[in-house]
């Protein structure tokens, strides 16, 4: 355990890795909030049937998958950092629109197809929000290898995996605490205000997580030009073939 935390501390000393990892942590926390309370929100706040919920999430995941080639092109043209920042701004905008949907949930319940454009948009942006940070982590590994002379993929990706576990724990804690605060009980029929508060948990969590993720994304400094310089320099160091971690 001591060795694990030493490796995490070593990885987090690199500012660019720290910033992209913390950005990814809050992105994954937002995903964890969806997993923890998403079904409850669509069932009790919007009154969707199981079929309608499956359609919404199906569209969202399909959009996330289909968005991958688009984000690759955007990142190649404008840089990974700028692409990630664009993803997060889209996520924040959709979160604000979701607040409006919650406030008019009674109308949405009778016109559930109106949430499909939001599902497509959030799926599109989340596809980049998840994929881009992992690619950026590989760039921080190149930077560290250039500076230290040793590649440490195991240390860096192990740290990222550990932070992912933390993000899921944060999501469960956040949702569980708020469900207690609003006194939500799925076993009984409750006042409409309780279901309204339940619905607001999702966009509130999104806004908090994506704003924090955006702050750390802005602090990330690696550019395509810098990474290319590190990679070219390392190609001239045959002794750098060793891998640590």
C-alpha atoms as a PDB file:
ATOM      1  CA  UNK A   1       0.000   0.000   0.000  1.00  0.00           C
ATOM      2  CA  UNK A   2       2.860   2.368   0.844  1.00  0.00           C
ATOM      3  CA  UNK A   3       4.458   1.602  -2.505  1.00  0.00           C
ATOM      4  CA  UNK A   4       1.178   2.304  -4.293  1.00  0.00           C
ATOM      5  CA  UNK A   5       0.841   5.746  -2.757  1.00  0.00           C
ATOM      6  CA  UNK A   6       4.500   6.496  -3.454  1.00  0.00           C
ATOM      7  CA  UNK A   7       3.904   5.770  -7.135  1.00  0.00           C
ATOM      8  CA  UNK A   8       0.780   7.921  -7.156  1.00  0.00           C
ATOM      9  CA  UNK A   9       2.655  10.788  -5.485  1.00  0.00           C
ATOM     10  CA  UNK A  10       5.479  10.423  -8.003  1.00  0.00           C
ATOM     11  CA  UNK A  11       3.080  10.592 -10.946  1.00  0.00           C
ATOM     12  CA  UNK A  12       1.144  13.535  -9.526  1.00  0.00           C
ATOM     13  CA  UNK A  13       4.330  15.596  -9.253  1.00  0.00           C
ATOM     14  CA  UNK A  14       4.139  16.116 -13.022  1.00  0.00           C
ATOM     15  CA  UNK A  15       1.817  19.110 -13.343  1.00  0.00           C
ATOM     16  CA  UNK A  16       0.388  18.249 -16.766  1.00  0.00           C
ATOM     17  CA  UNK A  17      -0.392  14.697 -15.690  1.00  0.00           C
ATOM     18  CA  UNK A  18      -1.935  16.002 -12.478  1.00  0.00           C
ATOM     19  CA  UNK A  19      -4.159  18.458 -14.325  1.00  0.00           C
ATOM     20  CA  UNK A  20      -5.422  16.050 -16.985  1.00  0.00           C
ATOM     21  CA  UNK A  21      -5.928  13.286 -14.407  1.00  0.00           C
ATOM     22  CA  UNK A  22      -7.956  15.516 -12.109  1.00  0.00           C
ATOM     23  CA  UNK A  23      -9.973  16.697 -15.093  1.00  0.00           C
ATOM     24  CA  UNK A  24     -10.647  13.058 -15.965  1.00  0.00           C
ATOM     25  CA  UNK A  25     -11.516  12.311 -12.329  1.00  0.00           C
ATOM     26  CA  UNK A  26     -14.345  14.854 -12.361  1.00  0.00           C
ATOM     27  CA  UNK A  27     -15.519  13.724 -15.802  1.00  0.00           C
ATOM     28  CA  UNK A  28     -15.723  10.153 -14.523  1.00  0.00           C
ATOM     29  CA  UNK A  29     -17.502  11.396 -11.396  1.00  0.00           C
ATOM     30  CA  UNK A  30     -20.171  12.920 -13.653  1.00  0.00           C
ATOM     31  CA  UNK A  31     -20.502   9.566 -15.424  1.00  0.00           C
ATOM     32  CA  UNK A  32     -20.816   7.891 -12.037  1.00  0.00           C
ATOM     33  CA  UNK A  33     -23.641  10.248 -11.090  1.00  0.00           C
ATOM     34  CA  UNK A  34     -25.511   9.213 -14.243  1.00  0.00           C
ATOM     35  CA  UNK A  35     -25.096   5.555 -13.289  1.00  0.00           C
ATOM     36  CA  UNK A  36     -26.190   6.184  -9.700  1.00  0.00           C
ATOM     37  CA  UNK A  37     -29.250   8.368 -10.217  1.00  0.00           C
ATOM     38  CA  UNK A  38     -30.028   8.494 -13.953  1.00  0.00           C
ATOM     39  CA  UNK A  39     -32.645   5.734 -13.906  1.00  0.00           C
ATOM     40  CA  UNK A  40     -34.347   7.305 -10.886  1.00  0.00           C
ATOM     41  CA  UNK A  41     -34.518  10.715 -12.567  1.00  0.00           C
ATOM     42  CA  UNK A  42     -36.046   9.447 -15.799  1.00  0.00           C
ATOM     43  CA  UNK A  43     -38.429   7.138 -13.953  1.00  0.00           C
ATOM     44  CA  UNK A  44     -39.728   9.420 -11.195  1.00  0.00           C
ATOM     45  CA  UNK A  45     -39.031  12.977 -12.381  1.00  0.00           C
ATOM     46  CA  UNK A  46     -39.944  12.527 -16.046  1.00  0.00           C
ATOM     47  CA  UNK A  47     -42.218   9.502 -15.705  1.00  0.00           C
ATOM     48  CA  UNK A  48     -40.618   7.641 -18.607  1.00  0.00           C
ATOM     49  CA  UNK A  49     -41.342   3.981 -19.242  1.00  0.00           C
ATOM     50  CA  UNK A  50     -38.542   1.398 -19.360  1.00  0.00           C
ATOM     51  CA  UNK A  51     -38.709   1.427 -23.154  1.00  0.00           C
ATOM     52  CA  UNK A  52     -38.383   5.198 -23.308  1.00  0.00           C
ATOM     53  CA  UNK A  53     -35.465   5.197 -20.871  1.00  0.00           C
ATOM     54  CA  UNK A  54     -33.717   2.495 -22.878  1.00  0.00           C
ATOM     55  CA  UNK A  55     -34.177   4.578 -26.032  1.00  0.00           C
ATOM     56  CA  UNK A  56     -32.711   7.711 -24.414  1.00  0.00           C
ATOM     57  CA  UNK A  57     -29.648   5.904 -23.085  1.00  0.00           C
ATOM     58  CA  UNK A  58     -29.277   3.937 -26.309  1.00  0.00           C
ATOM     59  CA  UNK A  59     -29.180   7.144 -28.343  1.00  0.00           C
ATOM     60  CA  UNK A  60     -26.705   8.660 -25.879  1.00  0.00           C
ATOM     61  CA  UNK A  61     -24.276   5.726 -26.039  1.00  0.00           C
ATOM     62  CA  UNK A  62     -24.612   5.414 -29.817  1.00  0.00           C
ATOM     63  CA  UNK A  63     -23.783   9.117 -30.207  1.00  0.00           C
ATOM     64  CA  UNK A  64     -20.746   8.680 -27.934  1.00  0.00           C
ATOM     65  CA  UNK A  65     -19.430   5.819 -30.071  1.00  0.00           C
ATOM     66  CA  UNK A  66     -20.113   7.518 -33.395  1.00  0.00           C
ATOM     67  CA  UNK A  67     -18.434  10.700 -32.132  1.00  0.00           C
ATOM     68  CA  UNK A  68     -15.025   9.085 -31.740  1.00  0.00           C
ATOM     69  CA  UNK A  69     -13.814   9.649 -35.350  1.00  0.00           C
ATOM     70  CA  UNK A  70     -15.091  13.230 -35.220  1.00  0.00           C
ATOM     71  CA  UNK A  71     -13.124  14.020 -32.051  1.00  0.00           C
ATOM     72  CA  UNK A  72     -10.014  12.432 -33.559  1.00  0.00           C
ATOM     73  CA  UNK A  73     -10.306  14.809 -36.515  1.00  0.00           C
ATOM     74  CA  UNK A  74     -10.997  17.804 -34.252  1.00  0.00           C
ATOM     75  CA  UNK A  75      -8.048  16.967 -31.984  1.00  0.00           C
ATOM     76  CA  UNK A  76      -5.737  16.519 -34.974  1.00  0.00           C
ATOM     77  CA  UNK A  77      -6.777  19.860 -36.404  1.00  0.00           C
ATOM     78  CA  UNK A  78      -7.007  22.002 -33.268  1.00  0.00           C
ATOM     79  CA  UNK A  79      -5.039  20.131 -30.548  1.00  0.00           C
ATOM     80  CA  UNK A  80      -6.244  17.719 -27.857  1.00  0.00           C
ATOM     81  CA  UNK A  81      -6.431  20.360 -25.130  1.00  0.00           C
ATOM     82  CA  UNK A  82      -8.680  22.639 -27.160  1.00  0.00           C
ATOM     83  CA  UNK A  83     -10.842  19.691 -28.177  1.00  0.00           C
ATOM     84  CA  UNK A  84     -11.294  18.615 -24.547  1.00  0.00           C
ATOM     85  CA  UNK A  85     -12.166  22.157 -23.489  1.00  0.00           C
ATOM     86  CA  UNK A  86     -14.784  22.278 -26.267  1.00  0.00           C
ATOM     87  CA  UNK A  87     -16.246  18.977 -24.987  1.00  0.00           C
ATOM     88  CA  UNK A  88     -16.539  20.319 -21.470  1.00  0.00           C
ATOM     89  CA  UNK A  89     -18.183  23.565 -22.553  1.00  0.00           C
ATOM     90  CA  UNK A  90     -20.767  21.543 -24.506  1.00  0.00           C
ATOM     91  CA  UNK A  91     -21.358  19.397 -21.422  1.00  0.00           C
ATOM     92  CA  UNK A  92     -21.909  22.500 -19.291  1.00  0.00           C
ATOM     93  CA  UNK A  93     -24.335  23.973 -21.846  1.00  0.00           C
ATOM     94  CA  UNK A  94     -26.329  20.733 -22.011  1.00  0.00           C
ATOM     95  CA  UNK A  95     -26.421  20.605 -18.200  1.00  0.00           C
ATOM     96  CA  UNK A  96     -28.048  24.042 -18.140  1.00  0.00           C
ATOM     97  CA  UNK A  97     -30.590  22.919 -20.752  1.00  0.00           C
ATOM     98  CA  UNK A  98     -31.281  19.825 -18.639  1.00  0.00           C
ATOM     99  CA  UNK A  99     -32.228  22.085 -15.725  1.00  0.00           C
ATOM    100  CA  UNK A 100     -34.909  23.589 -17.977  1.00  0.00           C
ATOM    101  CA  UNK A 101     -36.116  20.095 -18.880  1.00  0.00           C
ATOM    102  CA  UNK A 102     -36.461  19.217 -15.203  1.00  0.00           C
ATOM    103  CA  UNK A 103     -38.465  22.378 -14.526  1.00  0.00           C
ATOM    104  CA  UNK A 104     -40.921  21.450 -17.317  1.00  0.00           C
ATOM    105  CA  UNK A 105     -40.785  17.704 -16.607  1.00  0.00           C
ATOM    106  CA  UNK A 106     -44.582  17.352 -16.749  1.00  0.00           C
ATOM    107  CA  UNK A 107     -44.557  18.545 -20.354  1.00  0.00           C
ATOM    108  CA  UNK A 108     -41.481  16.451 -21.182  1.00  0.00           C
ATOM    109  CA  UNK A 109     -43.274  13.339 -19.891  1.00  0.00           C
ATOM    110  CA  UNK A 110     -45.816  13.703 -22.725  1.00  0.00           C
ATOM    111  CA  UNK A 111     -43.200  14.680 -25.333  1.00  0.00           C
ATOM    112  CA  UNK A 112     -40.245  12.469 -24.451  1.00  0.00           C
ATOM    113  CA  UNK A 113     -38.754  12.678 -27.948  1.00  0.00           C
ATOM    114  CA  UNK A 114     -37.829  16.293 -27.208  1.00  0.00           C
ATOM    115  CA  UNK A 115     -34.957  15.054 -25.020  1.00  0.00           C
ATOM    116  CA  UNK A 116     -33.392  13.129 -27.911  1.00  0.00           C
ATOM    117  CA  UNK A 117     -31.424  16.106 -29.282  1.00  0.00           C
ATOM    118  CA  UNK A 118     -29.964  16.600 -25.785  1.00  0.00           C
ATOM    119  CA  UNK A 119     -29.111  12.894 -25.604  1.00  0.00           C
ATOM    120  CA  UNK A 120     -27.311  13.138 -28.953  1.00  0.00           C
ATOM    121  CA  UNK A 121     -25.455  16.293 -27.936  1.00  0.00           C
ATOM    122  CA  UNK A 122     -24.335  15.037 -24.513  1.00  0.00           C
ATOM    123  CA  UNK A 123     -23.394  11.682 -26.057  1.00  0.00           C
ATOM    124  CA  UNK A 124     -21.321  13.430 -28.699  1.00  0.00           C
ATOM    125  CA  UNK A 125     -19.466  15.579 -26.175  1.00  0.00           C
ATOM    126  CA  UNK A 126     -19.013  12.806 -23.618  1.00  0.00           C
ATOM    127  CA  UNK A 127     -17.462  10.615 -26.297  1.00  0.00           C
ATOM    128  CA  UNK A 128     -14.630  13.115 -26.500  1.00  0.00           C
ATOM    129  CA  UNK A 129     -14.617  13.868 -22.773  1.00  0.00           C
ATOM    130  CA  UNK A 130     -13.710  10.269 -21.960  1.00  0.00           C
ATOM    131  CA  UNK A 131     -11.373   9.430 -24.863  1.00  0.00           C
ATOM    132  CA  UNK A 132      -9.305  12.620 -25.097  1.00  0.00           C
ATOM    133  CA  UNK A 133      -7.913  12.692 -21.521  1.00  0.00           C
ATOM    134  CA  UNK A 134      -6.482   9.167 -21.864  1.00  0.00           C
ATOM    135  CA  UNK A 135      -4.725  10.216 -25.038  1.00  0.00           C
ATOM    136  CA  UNK A 136      -3.418  13.303 -23.253  1.00  0.00           C
ATOM    137  CA  UNK A 137      -2.103  11.116 -20.419  1.00  0.00           C
ATOM    138  CA  UNK A 138       0.049   9.274 -22.969  1.00  0.00           C
ATOM    139  CA  UNK A 139       1.538  12.643 -23.962  1.00  0.00           C
ATOM    140  CA  UNK A 140       2.430  13.399 -20.337  1.00  0.00           C
ATOM    141  CA  UNK A 141       4.187  10.022 -20.205  1.00  0.00           C
ATOM    142  CA  UNK A 142       6.322  11.095 -23.173  1.00  0.00           C
ATOM    143  CA  UNK A 143       7.165  14.340 -21.395  1.00  0.00           C
ATOM    144  CA  UNK A 144       8.175  12.511 -18.224  1.00  0.00           C
ATOM    145  CA  UNK A 145      10.210   9.986 -20.209  1.00  0.00           C
ATOM    146  CA  UNK A 146      12.044  12.838 -21.912  1.00  0.00           C
ATOM    147  CA  UNK A 147      12.830  14.509 -18.591  1.00  0.00           C
ATOM    148  CA  UNK A 148      13.551  11.437 -16.453  1.00  0.00           C
ATOM    149  CA  UNK A 149      15.000   9.072 -19.040  1.00  0.00           C
ATOM    150  CA  UNK A 150      12.616   6.259 -18.034  1.00  0.00           C
ATOM    151  CA  UNK A 151       9.177   5.337 -19.309  1.00  0.00           C
ATOM    152  CA  UNK A 152       6.603   4.748 -16.570  1.00  0.00           C
ATOM    153  CA  UNK A 153       3.387   3.724 -18.325  1.00  0.00           C
ATOM    154  CA  UNK A 154       2.450   1.360 -15.503  1.00  0.00           C
ATOM    155  CA  UNK A 155       2.783   4.070 -12.858  1.00  0.00           C
ATOM    156  CA  UNK A 156       0.807   6.688 -14.773  1.00  0.00           C
ATOM    157  CA  UNK A 157      -2.023   4.487 -16.013  1.00  0.00           C
ATOM    158  CA  UNK A 158      -2.181   2.734 -12.643  1.00  0.00           C
ATOM    159  CA  UNK A 159      -2.638   6.138 -11.030  1.00  0.00           C
ATOM    160  CA  UNK A 160      -5.358   7.001 -13.562  1.00  0.00           C
ATOM    161  CA  UNK A 161      -7.171   3.749 -12.746  1.00  0.00           C
ATOM    162  CA  UNK A 162      -6.944   4.493  -9.015  1.00  0.00           C
ATOM    163  CA  UNK A 163      -8.421   7.953  -9.585  1.00  0.00           C
ATOM    164  CA  UNK A 164     -11.240   6.365 -11.591  1.00  0.00           C
ATOM    165  CA  UNK A 165     -12.136   4.233  -8.560  1.00  0.00           C
ATOM    166  CA  UNK A 166     -12.122   7.367  -6.426  1.00  0.00           C
ATOM    167  CA  UNK A 167     -14.438   9.114  -8.899  1.00  0.00           C
ATOM    168  CA  UNK A 168     -17.019   6.334  -8.665  1.00  0.00           C
ATOM    169  CA  UNK A 169     -16.883   6.481  -4.865  1.00  0.00           C
ATOM    170  CA  UNK A 170     -17.367  10.256  -4.969  1.00  0.00           C
ATOM    171  CA  UNK A 171     -20.375   9.854  -7.252  1.00  0.00           C
ATOM    172  CA  UNK A 172     -22.059   7.315  -4.980  1.00  0.00           C
ATOM    173  CA  UNK A 173     -21.365   9.457  -1.900  1.00  0.00           C
ATOM    174  CA  UNK A 174     -22.659  12.620  -3.599  1.00  0.00           C
ATOM    175  CA  UNK A 175     -25.863  10.979  -4.819  1.00  0.00           C
ATOM    176  CA  UNK A 176     -26.498   9.065  -1.602  1.00  0.00           C
ATOM    177  CA  UNK A 177     -26.088  12.164   0.546  1.00  0.00           C
ATOM    178  CA  UNK A 178     -28.438  14.235  -1.625  1.00  0.00           C
ATOM    179  CA  UNK A 179     -31.079  11.510  -1.732  1.00  0.00           C
ATOM    180  CA  UNK A 180     -31.091  11.607   2.066  1.00  0.00           C
ATOM    181  CA  UNK A 181     -31.298  15.401   2.070  1.00  0.00           C
ATOM    182  CA  UNK A 182     -34.356  15.488  -0.199  1.00  0.00           C
ATOM    183  CA  UNK A 183     -35.873  12.472   1.648  1.00  0.00           C
ATOM    184  CA  UNK A 184     -36.428  10.478  -1.532  1.00  0.00           C
ATOM    185  CA  UNK A 185     -38.040   7.046  -1.067  1.00  0.00           C
ATOM    186  CA  UNK A 186     -38.723   4.935  -4.162  1.00  0.00           C
ATOM    187  CA  UNK A 187     -41.086   2.630  -2.251  1.00  0.00           C
ATOM    188  CA  UNK A 188     -43.803   5.272  -1.815  1.00  0.00           C
ATOM    189  CA  UNK A 189     -45.500   7.973  -3.880  1.00  0.00           C
ATOM    190  CA  UNK A 190     -44.092  11.346  -2.841  1.00  0.00           C
ATOM    191  CA  UNK A 191     -44.810  15.020  -3.354  1.00  0.00           C
ATOM    192  CA  UNK A 192     -43.959  16.473  -6.794  1.00  0.00           C
ATOM    193  CA  UNK A 193     -41.375  18.765  -5.178  1.00  0.00           C
ATOM    194  CA  UNK A 194     -39.359  15.712  -4.113  1.00  0.00           C
ATOM    195  CA  UNK A 195     -39.250  14.459  -7.698  1.00  0.00           C
ATOM    196  CA  UNK A 196     -38.269  17.943  -8.852  1.00  0.00           C
ATOM    197  CA  UNK A 197     -35.346  17.987  -6.415  1.00  0.00           C
ATOM    198  CA  UNK A 198     -34.419  14.466  -7.533  1.00  0.00           C
ATOM    199  CA  UNK A 199     -34.266  15.631 -11.132  1.00  0.00           C
ATOM    200  CA  UNK A 200     -32.037  18.576 -10.253  1.00  0.00           C
ATOM    201  CA  UNK A 201     -29.405  16.285  -8.722  1.00  0.00           C
ATOM    202  CA  UNK A 202     -28.272  15.209 -12.187  1.00  0.00           C
ATOM    203  CA  UNK A 203     -27.626  18.639 -13.775  1.00  0.00           C
ATOM    204  CA  UNK A 204     -26.293  20.023 -10.472  1.00  0.00           C
ATOM    205  CA  UNK A 205     -23.740  17.228 -10.295  1.00  0.00           C
ATOM    206  CA  UNK A 206     -22.889  17.755 -13.955  1.00  0.00           C
ATOM    207  CA  UNK A 207     -22.347  21.478 -13.546  1.00  0.00           C
ATOM    208  CA  UNK A 208     -20.083  21.002 -10.542  1.00  0.00           C
ATOM    209  CA  UNK A 209     -18.054  18.178 -12.090  1.00  0.00           C
ATOM    210  CA  UNK A 210     -17.682  19.631 -15.570  1.00  0.00           C
ATOM    211  CA  UNK A 211     -16.771  23.079 -14.241  1.00  0.00           C
ATOM    212  CA  UNK A 212     -14.013  21.585 -12.086  1.00  0.00           C
ATOM    213  CA  UNK A 213     -12.863  19.426 -14.992  1.00  0.00           C
ATOM    214  CA  UNK A 214     -12.735  22.528 -17.192  1.00  0.00           C
ATOM    215  CA  UNK A 215     -10.580  24.398 -14.671  1.00  0.00           C
ATOM    216  CA  UNK A 216      -7.969  21.642 -14.693  1.00  0.00           C
ATOM    217  CA  UNK A 217      -8.168  21.248 -18.477  1.00  0.00           C
ATOM    218  CA  UNK A 218      -7.285  24.928 -18.882  1.00  0.00           C
ATOM    219  CA  UNK A 219      -4.198  24.356 -16.691  1.00  0.00           C
ATOM    220  CA  UNK A 220      -2.884  21.623 -18.970  1.00  0.00           C
ATOM    221  CA  UNK A 221       0.028  23.061 -20.961  1.00  0.00           C
ATOM    222  CA  UNK A 222       1.234  20.357 -23.347  1.00  0.00           C
ATOM    223  CA  UNK A 223       0.775  21.158 -27.024  1.00  0.00           C
ATOM    224  CA  UNK A 224       1.215  19.000 -30.104  1.00  0.00           C
ATOM    225  CA  UNK A 225       4.450  20.807 -30.926  1.00  0.00           C
ATOM    226  CA  UNK A 226       5.950  20.133 -27.481  1.00  0.00           C
ATOM    227  CA  UNK A 227       4.991  16.460 -27.545  1.00  0.00           C
ATOM    228  CA  UNK A 228       6.476  16.082 -31.026  1.00  0.00           C
ATOM    229  CA  UNK A 229       9.729  17.605 -29.794  1.00  0.00           C
ATOM    230  CA  UNK A 230       9.873  15.162 -26.866  1.00  0.00           C
ATOM    231  CA  UNK A 231       9.167  12.190 -29.119  1.00  0.00           C
ATOM    232  CA  UNK A 232      11.800  13.174 -31.670  1.00  0.00           C
ATOM    233  CA  UNK A 233      14.375  13.737 -28.935  1.00  0.00           C
ATOM    234  CA  UNK A 234      13.655  10.322 -27.402  1.00  0.00           C
ATOM    235  CA  UNK A 235      14.039   8.585 -30.738  1.00  0.00           C
ATOM    236  CA  UNK A 236      17.669   9.652 -30.596  1.00  0.00           C
ATOM    237  CA  UNK A 237      18.132   7.979 -27.193  1.00  0.00           C
ATOM    238  CA  UNK A 238      18.348   4.219 -27.764  1.00  0.00           C
ATOM    239  CA  UNK A 239      18.956   3.651 -24.048  1.00  0.00           C
ATOM    240  CA  UNK A 240      15.379   4.837 -23.313  1.00  0.00           C
ATOM    241  CA  UNK A 241      13.847   1.551 -24.224  1.00  0.00           C
ATOM    242  CA  UNK A 242      13.487   0.468 -20.583  1.00  0.00           C
ATOM    243  CA  UNK A 243      10.035   0.625 -19.030  1.00  0.00           C
ATOM    244  CA  UNK A 244       9.329   1.165 -15.344  1.00  0.00           C
ATOM    245  CA  UNK A 245       6.156   0.591 -13.372  1.00  0.00           C
END
